[in-house]
Amino acid sequence: MLQNEYFVLSLAKKFSKKTNKMMLIYPKNNIIKFYLHNKIGYVNKKNGTSNNLIKNIFFLFVSFKNKEKKKKKRKKKHVLHTQLLFLCYNTII
């Protein structure tokens, strides 16, 4: 398992524990799928396509990340969004 893949998975685990929501992330054939409340979100690494659910999930990630770092209020949400998206893209070899 890659280091950044572990980071994303652990982030999802922490998030699901904090909110009691089920979220699974796994790479498969250049596509990362997200399961959230029986809905499926996906990101395709090859062409960069995704569905609308992916935005909601990354928003949840960003919200969770911001709660963890309350002292650093200067970081903008879209910056964290980009970092997490990059991490997820890198989970696929």
PDB file of N, CA and C in Angstrom:
ATOM      1  N   MET A   1       0.846  -1.191   0.000  1.00  0.00           N
ATOM      2  CA  MET A   1       0.000   0.000   0.000  1.00  0.00           C
ATOM      3  C   MET A   1       0.887   1.249   0.000  1.00  0.00           C
ATOM      4  N   LEU A   2       0.560   2.171  -0.857  1.00  0.00           N
ATOM      5  CA  LEU A   2       1.337   3.405  -0.932  1.00  0.00           C
ATOM      6  C   LEU A   2       1.065   4.278   0.287  1.00  0.00           C
ATOM      7  N   GLN A   3       2.014   5.133   0.593  1.00  0.00           N
ATOM      8  CA  GLN A   3       1.878   5.975   1.782  1.00  0.00           C
ATOM      9  C   GLN A   3       0.674   6.912   1.679  1.00  0.00           C
ATOM     10  N   ASN A   4       0.499   7.530   0.514  1.00  0.00           N
ATOM     11  CA  ASN A   4      -0.625   8.460   0.369  1.00  0.00           C
ATOM     12  C   ASN A   4      -1.961   7.720   0.323  1.00  0.00           C
ATOM     13  N   GLU A   5      -1.940   6.487  -0.189  1.00  0.00           N
ATOM     14  CA  GLU A   5      -3.165   5.681  -0.174  1.00  0.00           C
ATOM     15  C   GLU A   5      -3.564   5.407   1.273  1.00  0.00           C
ATOM     16  N   TYR A   6      -2.571   5.075   2.088  1.00  0.00           N
ATOM     17  CA  TYR A   6      -2.824   4.829   3.510  1.00  0.00           C
ATOM     18  C   TYR A   6      -3.388   6.084   4.172  1.00  0.00           C
ATOM     19  N   PHE A   7      -2.844   7.246   3.802  1.00  0.00           N
ATOM     20  CA  PHE A   7      -3.316   8.512   4.369  1.00  0.00           C
ATOM     21  C   PHE A   7      -4.794   8.733   4.054  1.00  0.00           C
ATOM     22  N   VAL A   8      -5.163   8.513   2.803  1.00  0.00           N
ATOM     23  CA  VAL A   8      -6.551   8.732   2.386  1.00  0.00           C
ATOM     24  C   VAL A   8      -7.474   7.742   3.080  1.00  0.00           C
ATOM     25  N   LEU A   9      -7.051   6.478   3.146  1.00  0.00           N
ATOM     26  CA  LEU A   9      -7.865   5.460   3.801  1.00  0.00           C
ATOM     27  C   LEU A   9      -8.023   5.751   5.290  1.00  0.00           C
ATOM     28  N   SER A  10      -6.937   6.165   5.938  1.00  0.00           N
ATOM     29  CA  SER A  10      -7.009   6.467   7.368  1.00  0.00           C
ATOM     30  C   SER A  10      -7.876   7.702   7.602  1.00  0.00           C
ATOM     31  N   LEU A  11      -7.805   8.653   6.683  1.00  0.00           N
ATOM     32  CA  LEU A  11      -8.645   9.845   6.782  1.00  0.00           C
ATOM     33  C   LEU A  11     -10.116   9.454   6.681  1.00  0.00           C
ATOM     34  N   ALA A  12     -10.409   8.546   5.764  1.00  0.00           N
ATOM     35  CA  ALA A  12     -11.784   8.072   5.612  1.00  0.00           C
ATOM     36  C   ALA A  12     -12.241   7.330   6.864  1.00  0.00           C
ATOM     37  N   LYS A  13     -11.348   6.540   7.445  1.00  0.00           N
ATOM     38  CA  LYS A  13     -11.681   5.808   8.669  1.00  0.00           C
ATOM     39  C   LYS A  13     -12.001   6.767   9.800  1.00  0.00           C
ATOM     40  N   LYS A  14     -11.133   7.766   9.983  1.00  0.00           N
ATOM     41  CA  LYS A  14     -11.346   8.751  11.038  1.00  0.00           C
ATOM     42  C   LYS A  14     -12.664   9.483  10.816  1.00  0.00           C
ATOM     43  N   PHE A  15     -12.897   9.846   9.571  1.00  0.00           N
ATOM     44  CA  PHE A  15     -14.116  10.584   9.236  1.00  0.00           C
ATOM     45  C   PHE A  15     -15.352   9.756   9.569  1.00  0.00           C
ATOM     46  N   SER A  16     -15.325   8.471   9.190  1.00  0.00           N
ATOM     47  CA  SER A  16     -16.484   7.617   9.414  1.00  0.00           C
ATOM     48  C   SER A  16     -16.696   7.373  10.912  1.00  0.00           C
ATOM     49  N   LYS A  17     -15.606   7.311  11.682  1.00  0.00           N
ATOM     50  CA  LYS A  17     -15.743   7.129  13.128  1.00  0.00           C
ATOM     51  C   LYS A  17     -16.341   8.366  13.777  1.00  0.00           C
ATOM     52  N   LYS A  18     -15.914   9.529  13.329  1.00  0.00           N
ATOM     53  CA  LYS A  18     -16.384  10.783  13.927  1.00  0.00           C
ATOM     54  C   LYS A  18     -17.865  11.027  13.632  1.00  0.00           C
ATOM     55  N   THR A  19     -18.310  10.659  12.451  1.00  0.00           N
ATOM     56  CA  THR A  19     -19.666  11.017  12.035  1.00  0.00           C
ATOM     57  C   THR A  19     -20.611   9.826  11.963  1.00  0.00           C
ATOM     58  N   ASN A  20     -20.088   8.618  12.235  1.00  0.00           N
ATOM     59  CA  ASN A  20     -20.875   7.390  12.126  1.00  0.00           C
ATOM     60  C   ASN A  20     -21.438   7.186  10.723  1.00  0.00           C
ATOM     61  N   LYS A  21     -20.703   7.634   9.727  1.00  0.00           N
ATOM     62  CA  LYS A  21     -21.112   7.434   8.338  1.00  0.00           C
ATOM     63  C   LYS A  21     -20.148   6.455   7.686  1.00  0.00           C
ATOM     64  N   MET A  22     -20.659   5.622   6.813  1.00  0.00           N
ATOM     65  CA  MET A  22     -19.825   4.621   6.159  1.00  0.00           C
ATOM     66  C   MET A  22     -19.191   5.210   4.908  1.00  0.00           C
ATOM     67  N   MET A  23     -17.878   5.098   4.799  1.00  0.00           N
ATOM     68  CA  MET A  23     -17.189   5.597   3.616  1.00  0.00           C
ATOM     69  C   MET A  23     -16.031   4.671   3.290  1.00  0.00           C
ATOM     70  N   LEU A  24     -16.021   4.107   2.107  1.00  0.00           N
ATOM     71  CA  LEU A  24     -14.937   3.230   1.677  1.00  0.00           C
ATOM     72  C   LEU A  24     -14.289   3.790   0.426  1.00  0.00           C
ATOM     73  N   ILE A  25     -12.974   3.703   0.371  1.00  0.00           N
ATOM     74  CA  ILE A  25     -12.246   4.196  -0.795  1.00  0.00           C
ATOM     75  C   ILE A  25     -11.305   3.105  -1.265  1.00  0.00           C
ATOM     76  N   TYR A  26     -11.366   2.769  -2.532  1.00  0.00           N
ATOM     77  CA  TYR A  26     -10.423   1.771  -3.038  1.00  0.00           C
ATOM     78  C   TYR A  26     -10.165   1.985  -4.523  1.00  0.00           C
ATOM     79  N   PRO A  27      -8.916   1.709  -4.957  1.00  0.00           N
ATOM     80  CA  PRO A  27      -8.587   1.848  -6.379  1.00  0.00           C
ATOM     81  C   PRO A  27      -8.909   0.576  -7.158  1.00  0.00           C
ATOM     82  N   LYS A  28      -9.414   0.730  -8.377  1.00  0.00           N
ATOM     83  CA  LYS A  28      -9.708  -0.431  -9.220  1.00  0.00           C
ATOM     84  C   LYS A  28      -9.700   0.002 -10.680  1.00  0.00           C
ATOM     85  N   ASN A  29      -8.783  -0.558 -11.447  1.00  0.00           N
ATOM     86  CA  ASN A  29      -8.725  -0.278 -12.883  1.00  0.00           C
ATOM     87  C   ASN A  29      -8.720   1.216 -13.206  1.00  0.00           C
ATOM     88  N   ASN A  30      -7.811   1.940 -12.560  1.00  0.00           N
ATOM     89  CA  ASN A  30      -7.682   3.390 -12.777  1.00  0.00           C
ATOM     90  C   ASN A  30      -8.894   4.194 -12.330  1.00  0.00           C
ATOM     91  N   ILE A  31      -9.781   3.579 -11.577  1.00  0.00           N
ATOM     92  CA  ILE A  31     -10.942   4.322 -11.074  1.00  0.00           C
ATOM     93  C   ILE A  31     -11.002   4.171  -9.552  1.00  0.00           C
ATOM     94  N   ILE A  32     -11.110   5.268  -8.852  1.00  0.00           N
ATOM     95  CA  ILE A  32     -11.294   5.216  -7.402  1.00  0.00           C
ATOM     96  C   ILE A  32     -12.782   5.389  -7.136  1.00  0.00           C
ATOM     97  N   LYS A  33     -13.357   4.455  -6.393  1.00  0.00           N
ATOM     98  CA  LYS A  33     -14.787   4.548  -6.094  1.00  0.00           C
ATOM     99  C   LYS A  33     -15.001   4.920  -4.631  1.00  0.00           C
ATOM    100  N   PHE A  34     -16.010   5.716  -4.383  1.00  0.00           N
ATOM    101  CA  PHE A  34     -16.376   6.122  -3.040  1.00  0.00           C
ATOM    102  C   PHE A  34     -17.797   5.650  -2.768  1.00  0.00           C
ATOM    103  N   TYR A  35     -17.993   4.977  -1.663  1.00  0.00           N
ATOM    104  CA  TYR A  35     -19.338   4.576  -1.282  1.00  0.00           C
ATOM    105  C   TYR A  35     -19.768   5.413  -0.084  1.00  0.00           C
ATOM    106  N   LEU A  36     -20.806   6.175  -0.249  1.00  0.00           N
ATOM    107  CA  LEU A  36     -21.292   7.036   0.829  1.00  0.00           C
ATOM    108  C   LEU A  36     -22.814   7.007   0.833  1.00  0.00           C
ATOM    109  N   HIS A  37     -23.385   6.448   1.880  1.00  0.00           N
ATOM    110  CA  HIS A  37     -24.840   6.353   1.999  1.00  0.00           C
ATOM    111  C   HIS A  37     -25.475   5.696   0.772  1.00  0.00           C
ATOM    112  N   ASN A  38     -24.918   4.562   0.376  1.00  0.00           N
ATOM    113  CA  ASN A  38     -25.429   3.777  -0.757  1.00  0.00           C
ATOM    114  C   ASN A  38     -25.339   4.488  -2.098  1.00  0.00           C
ATOM    115  N   LYS A  39     -24.589   5.565  -2.160  1.00  0.00           N
ATOM    116  CA  LYS A  39     -24.355   6.239  -3.436  1.00  0.00           C
ATOM    117  C   LYS A  39     -22.913   5.988  -3.841  1.00  0.00           C
ATOM    118  N   ILE A  40     -22.644   5.939  -5.113  1.00  0.00           N
ATOM    119  CA  ILE A  40     -21.291   5.674  -5.594  1.00  0.00           C
ATOM    120  C   ILE A  40     -20.722   6.909  -6.273  1.00  0.00           C
ATOM    121  N   GLY A  41     -19.531   7.302  -5.836  1.00  0.00           N
ATOM    122  CA  GLY A  41     -18.810   8.386  -6.499  1.00  0.00           C
ATOM    123  C   GLY A  41     -17.557   7.813  -7.099  1.00  0.00           C
ATOM    124  N   TYR A  42     -17.067   8.404  -8.143  1.00  0.00           N
ATOM    125  CA  TYR A  42     -15.867   7.853  -8.774  1.00  0.00           C
ATOM    126  C   TYR A  42     -14.990   8.946  -9.373  1.00  0.00           C
ATOM    127  N   VAL A  43     -13.700   8.642  -9.445  1.00  0.00           N
ATOM    128  CA  VAL A  43     -12.758   9.493 -10.166  1.00  0.00           C
ATOM    129  C   VAL A  43     -11.979   8.600 -11.098  1.00  0.00           C
ATOM    130  N   ASN A  44     -11.949   8.943 -12.376  1.00  0.00           N
ATOM    131  CA  ASN A  44     -11.177   8.181 -13.350  1.00  0.00           C
ATOM    132  C   ASN A  44      -9.843   8.881 -13.555  1.00  0.00           C
ATOM    133  N   LYS A  45      -8.753   8.177 -13.262  1.00  0.00           N
ATOM    134  CA  LYS A  45      -7.430   8.803 -13.333  1.00  0.00           C
ATOM    135  C   LYS A  45      -7.039   9.130 -14.774  1.00  0.00           C
ATOM    136  N   LYS A  46      -7.443   8.283 -15.711  1.00  0.00           N
ATOM    137  CA  LYS A  46      -6.990   8.456 -17.100  1.00  0.00           C
ATOM    138  C   LYS A  46      -7.517   9.740 -17.729  1.00  0.00           C
ATOM    139  N   ASN A  47      -8.812   9.995 -17.576  1.00  0.00           N
ATOM    140  CA  ASN A  47      -9.364  11.198 -18.214  1.00  0.00           C
ATOM    141  C   ASN A  47      -9.837  12.257 -17.208  1.00  0.00           C
ATOM    142  N   GLY A  48      -9.685  11.964 -15.911  1.00  0.00           N
ATOM    143  CA  GLY A  48     -10.004  12.966 -14.891  1.00  0.00           C
ATOM    144  C   GLY A  48     -11.482  13.223 -14.697  1.00  0.00           C
ATOM    145  N   THR A  49     -12.327  12.322 -15.193  1.00  0.00           N
ATOM    146  CA  THR A  49     -13.768  12.528 -15.043  1.00  0.00           C
ATOM    147  C   THR A  49     -14.229  12.091 -13.658  1.00  0.00           C
ATOM    148  N   SER A  50     -15.319  12.662 -13.230  1.00  0.00           N
ATOM    149  CA  SER A  50     -15.916  12.272 -11.955  1.00  0.00           C
ATOM    150  C   SER A  50     -17.397  12.620 -12.011  1.00  0.00           C
ATOM    151  N   ASN A  51     -18.154  12.086 -11.049  1.00  0.00           N
ATOM    152  CA  ASN A  51     -19.560  12.478 -10.981  1.00  0.00           C
ATOM    153  C   ASN A  51     -19.743  13.519  -9.882  1.00  0.00           C
ATOM    154  N   ASN A  52     -20.952  14.016  -9.719  1.00  0.00           N
ATOM    155  CA  ASN A  52     -21.199  15.112  -8.776  1.00  0.00           C
ATOM    156  C   ASN A  52     -20.952  14.720  -7.327  1.00  0.00           C
ATOM    157  N   LEU A  53     -21.105  13.426  -7.045  1.00  0.00           N
ATOM    158  CA  LEU A  53     -20.939  12.965  -5.667  1.00  0.00           C
ATOM    159  C   LEU A  53     -19.525  13.207  -5.154  1.00  0.00           C
ATOM    160  N   ILE A  54     -18.569  13.152  -6.070  1.00  0.00           N
ATOM    161  CA  ILE A  54     -17.166  13.322  -5.681  1.00  0.00           C
ATOM    162  C   ILE A  54     -16.942  14.684  -5.027  1.00  0.00           C
ATOM    163  N   LYS A  55     -17.624  15.710  -5.507  1.00  0.00           N
ATOM    164  CA  LYS A  55     -17.476  17.051  -4.941  1.00  0.00           C
ATOM    165  C   LYS A  55     -17.979  17.081  -3.504  1.00  0.00           C
ATOM    166  N   ASN A  56     -19.103  16.416  -3.264  1.00  0.00           N
ATOM    167  CA  ASN A  56     -19.666  16.367  -1.920  1.00  0.00           C
ATOM    168  C   ASN A  56     -18.738  15.641  -0.960  1.00  0.00           C
ATOM    169  N   ILE A  57     -18.144  14.555  -1.433  1.00  0.00           N
ATOM    170  CA  ILE A  57     -17.254  13.766  -0.585  1.00  0.00           C
ATOM    171  C   ILE A  57     -16.001  14.550  -0.243  1.00  0.00           C
ATOM    172  N   PHE A  58     -15.431  15.223  -1.233  1.00  0.00           N
ATOM    173  CA  PHE A  58     -14.240  16.013  -0.944  1.00  0.00           C
ATOM    174  C   PHE A  58     -14.579  17.193  -0.052  1.00  0.00           C
ATOM    175  N   PHE A  59     -15.787  17.712  -0.182  1.00  0.00           N
ATOM    176  CA  PHE A  59     -16.218  18.777   0.724  1.00  0.00           C
ATOM    177  C   PHE A  59     -16.264  18.250   2.159  1.00  0.00           C
ATOM    178  N   LEU A  60     -16.745  17.010   2.318  1.00  0.00           N
ATOM    179  CA  LEU A  60     -16.776  16.395   3.646  1.00  0.00           C
ATOM    180  C   LEU A  60     -15.363  16.186   4.179  1.00  0.00           C
ATOM    181  N   PHE A  61     -14.471  15.720   3.303  1.00  0.00           N
ATOM    182  CA  PHE A  61     -13.070  15.556   3.687  1.00  0.00           C
ATOM    183  C   PHE A  61     -12.483  16.881   4.151  1.00  0.00           C
ATOM    184  N   VAL A  62     -12.742  17.917   3.385  1.00  0.00           N
ATOM    185  CA  VAL A  62     -12.194  19.234   3.689  1.00  0.00           C
ATOM    186  C   VAL A  62     -12.756  19.748   5.007  1.00  0.00           C
ATOM    187  N   SER A  63     -14.050  19.544   5.235  1.00  0.00           N
ATOM    188  CA  SER A  63     -14.673  19.978   6.482  1.00  0.00           C
ATOM    189  C   SER A  63     -14.028  19.263   7.663  1.00  0.00           C
ATOM    190  N   PHE A  64     -13.824  17.966   7.505  1.00  0.00           N
ATOM    191  CA  PHE A  64     -13.206  17.174   8.564  1.00  0.00           C
ATOM    192  C   PHE A  64     -11.774  17.631   8.811  1.00  0.00           C
ATOM    193  N   LYS A  65     -11.052  17.885   7.737  1.00  0.00           N
ATOM    194  CA  LYS A  65      -9.658  18.307   7.838  1.00  0.00           C
ATOM    195  C   LYS A  65      -9.563  19.661   8.540  1.00  0.00           C
ATOM    196  N   ASN A  66     -10.486  20.549   8.237  1.00  0.00           N
ATOM    197  CA  ASN A  66     -10.470  21.872   8.859  1.00  0.00           C
ATOM    198  C   ASN A  66     -10.772  21.795  10.357  1.00  0.00           C
ATOM    199  N   LYS A  67     -11.623  20.861  10.757  1.00  0.00           N
ATOM    200  CA  LYS A  67     -11.943  20.700  12.172  1.00  0.00           C
ATOM    201  C   LYS A  67     -10.731  20.204  12.951  1.00  0.00           C
ATOM    202  N   GLU A  68      -9.924  19.374  12.305  1.00  0.00           N
ATOM    203  CA  GLU A  68      -8.722  18.842  12.954  1.00  0.00           C
ATOM    204  C   GLU A  68      -7.700  19.949  13.208  1.00  0.00           C
ATOM    205  N   LYS A  69      -7.591  20.892  12.292  1.00  0.00           N
ATOM    206  CA  LYS A  69      -6.602  21.969  12.416  1.00  0.00           C
ATOM    207  C   LYS A  69      -7.316  23.306  12.622  1.00  0.00           C
ATOM    208  N   LYS A  70      -7.835  23.512  13.812  1.00  0.00           N
ATOM    209  CA  LYS A  70      -8.549  24.760  14.088  1.00  0.00           C
ATOM    210  C   LYS A  70      -7.602  25.950  14.228  1.00  0.00           C
ATOM    211  N   LYS A  71      -6.367  25.685  14.630  1.00  0.00           N
ATOM    212  CA  LYS A  71      -5.402  26.770  14.816  1.00  0.00           C
ATOM    213  C   LYS A  71      -4.992  27.393  13.486  1.00  0.00           C
ATOM    214  N   LYS A  72      -4.951  26.589  12.440  1.00  0.00           N
ATOM    215  CA  LYS A  72      -4.558  27.100  11.124  1.00  0.00           C
ATOM    216  C   LYS A  72      -5.805  27.469  10.325  1.00  0.00           C
ATOM    217  N   LYS A  73      -6.331  28.645  10.571  1.00  0.00           N
ATOM    218  CA  LYS A  73      -7.543  29.079   9.880  1.00  0.00           C
ATOM    219  C   LYS A  73      -7.245  29.769   8.553  1.00  0.00           C
ATOM    220  N   ARG A  74      -5.967  29.955   8.249  1.00  0.00           N
ATOM    221  CA  ARG A  74      -5.603  30.668   7.026  1.00  0.00           C
ATOM    222  C   ARG A  74      -5.685  29.782   5.794  1.00  0.00           C
ATOM    223  N   LYS A  75      -5.654  28.461   5.978  1.00  0.00           N
ATOM    224  CA  LYS A  75      -5.730  27.572   4.816  1.00  0.00           C
ATOM    225  C   LYS A  75      -7.131  27.625   4.223  1.00  0.00           C
ATOM    226  N   LYS A  76      -7.192  27.779   2.920  1.00  0.00           N
ATOM    227  CA  LYS A  76      -8.484  27.867   2.258  1.00  0.00           C
ATOM    228  C   LYS A  76      -8.989  26.477   1.899  1.00  0.00           C
ATOM    229  N   LYS A  77     -10.302  26.349   1.805  1.00  0.00           N
ATOM    230  CA  LYS A  77     -10.902  25.048   1.532  1.00  0.00           C
ATOM    231  C   LYS A  77     -10.474  24.482   0.189  1.00  0.00           C
ATOM    232  N   HIS A  78     -10.401  25.315  -0.820  1.00  0.00           N
ATOM    233  CA  HIS A  78     -10.083  24.800  -2.154  1.00  0.00           C
ATOM    234  C   HIS A  78      -8.647  24.295  -2.233  1.00  0.00           C
ATOM    235  N   VAL A  79      -7.772  24.814  -1.381  1.00  0.00           N
ATOM    236  CA  VAL A  79      -6.385  24.326  -1.347  1.00  0.00           C
ATOM    237  C   VAL A  79      -6.358  22.907  -0.807  1.00  0.00           C
ATOM    238  N   LEU A  80      -7.057  22.669   0.300  1.00  0.00           N
ATOM    239  CA  LEU A  80      -7.145  21.326   0.873  1.00  0.00           C
ATOM    240  C   LEU A  80      -7.834  20.380  -0.096  1.00  0.00           C
ATOM    241  N   HIS A  81      -8.866  20.872  -0.757  1.00  0.00           N
ATOM    242  CA  HIS A  81      -9.592  20.077  -1.750  1.00  0.00           C
ATOM    243  C   HIS A  81      -8.633  19.569  -2.814  1.00  0.00           C
ATOM    244  N   THR A  82      -7.782  20.456  -3.308  1.00  0.00           N
ATOM    245  CA  THR A  82      -6.814  20.091  -4.342  1.00  0.00           C
ATOM    246  C   THR A  82      -5.811  19.071  -3.823  1.00  0.00           C
ATOM    247  N   GLN A  83      -5.339  19.269  -2.598  1.00  0.00           N
ATOM    248  CA  GLN A  83      -4.363  18.343  -2.023  1.00  0.00           C
ATOM    249  C   GLN A  83      -4.954  16.949  -1.869  1.00  0.00           C
ATOM    250  N   LEU A  84      -6.180  16.871  -1.378  1.00  0.00           N
ATOM    251  CA  LEU A  84      -6.824  15.572  -1.176  1.00  0.00           C
ATOM    252  C   LEU A  84      -7.104  14.895  -2.503  1.00  0.00           C
ATOM    253  N   LEU A  85      -7.510  15.681  -3.486  1.00  0.00           N
ATOM    254  CA  LEU A  85      -7.764  15.137  -4.816  1.00  0.00           C
ATOM    255  C   LEU A  85      -6.472  14.571  -5.393  1.00  0.00           C
ATOM    256  N   PHE A  86      -5.380  15.293  -5.205  1.00  0.00           N
ATOM    257  CA  PHE A  86      -4.073  14.848  -5.678  1.00  0.00           C
ATOM    258  C   PHE A  86      -3.667  13.551  -4.983  1.00  0.00           C
ATOM    259  N   LEU A  87      -3.899  13.479  -3.678  1.00  0.00           N
ATOM    260  CA  LEU A  87      -3.571  12.270  -2.924  1.00  0.00           C
ATOM    261  C   LEU A  87      -4.362  11.079  -3.440  1.00  0.00           C
ATOM    262  N   CYS A  88      -5.633  11.306  -3.704  1.00  0.00           N
ATOM    263  CA  CYS A  88      -6.474  10.218  -4.201  1.00  0.00           C
ATOM    264  C   CYS A  88      -6.031   9.778  -5.594  1.00  0.00           C
ATOM    265  N   TYR A  89      -5.667  10.725  -6.430  1.00  0.00           N
ATOM    266  CA  TYR A  89      -5.197  10.379  -7.770  1.00  0.00           C
ATOM    267  C   TYR A  89      -3.939   9.528  -7.698  1.00  0.00           C
ATOM    268  N   ASN A  90      -3.100   9.802  -6.716  1.00  0.00           N
ATOM    269  CA  ASN A  90      -1.838   9.082  -6.598  1.00  0.00           C
ATOM    270  C   ASN A  90      -1.972   7.704  -5.959  1.00  0.00           C
ATOM    271  N   THR A  91      -3.158   7.350  -5.503  1.00  0.00           N
ATOM    272  CA  THR A  91      -3.319   6.021  -4.914  1.00  0.00           C
ATOM    273  C   THR A  91      -3.229   4.947  -5.982  1.00  0.00           C
ATOM    274  N   ILE A  92      -3.455   5.331  -7.236  1.00  0.00           N
ATOM    275  CA  ILE A  92      -3.415   4.360  -8.329  1.00  0.00           C
ATOM    276  C   ILE A  92      -2.057   4.395  -9.005  1.00  0.00           C
ATOM    277  N   ILE A  93      -1.477   3.240  -9.189  1.00  0.00           N
ATOM    278  CA  ILE A  93      -0.175   3.164  -9.867  1.00  0.00           C
ATOM    279  C   ILE A  93      -0.397   3.170 -11.374  1.00  0.00           C
TER     280      ILE A  93
END
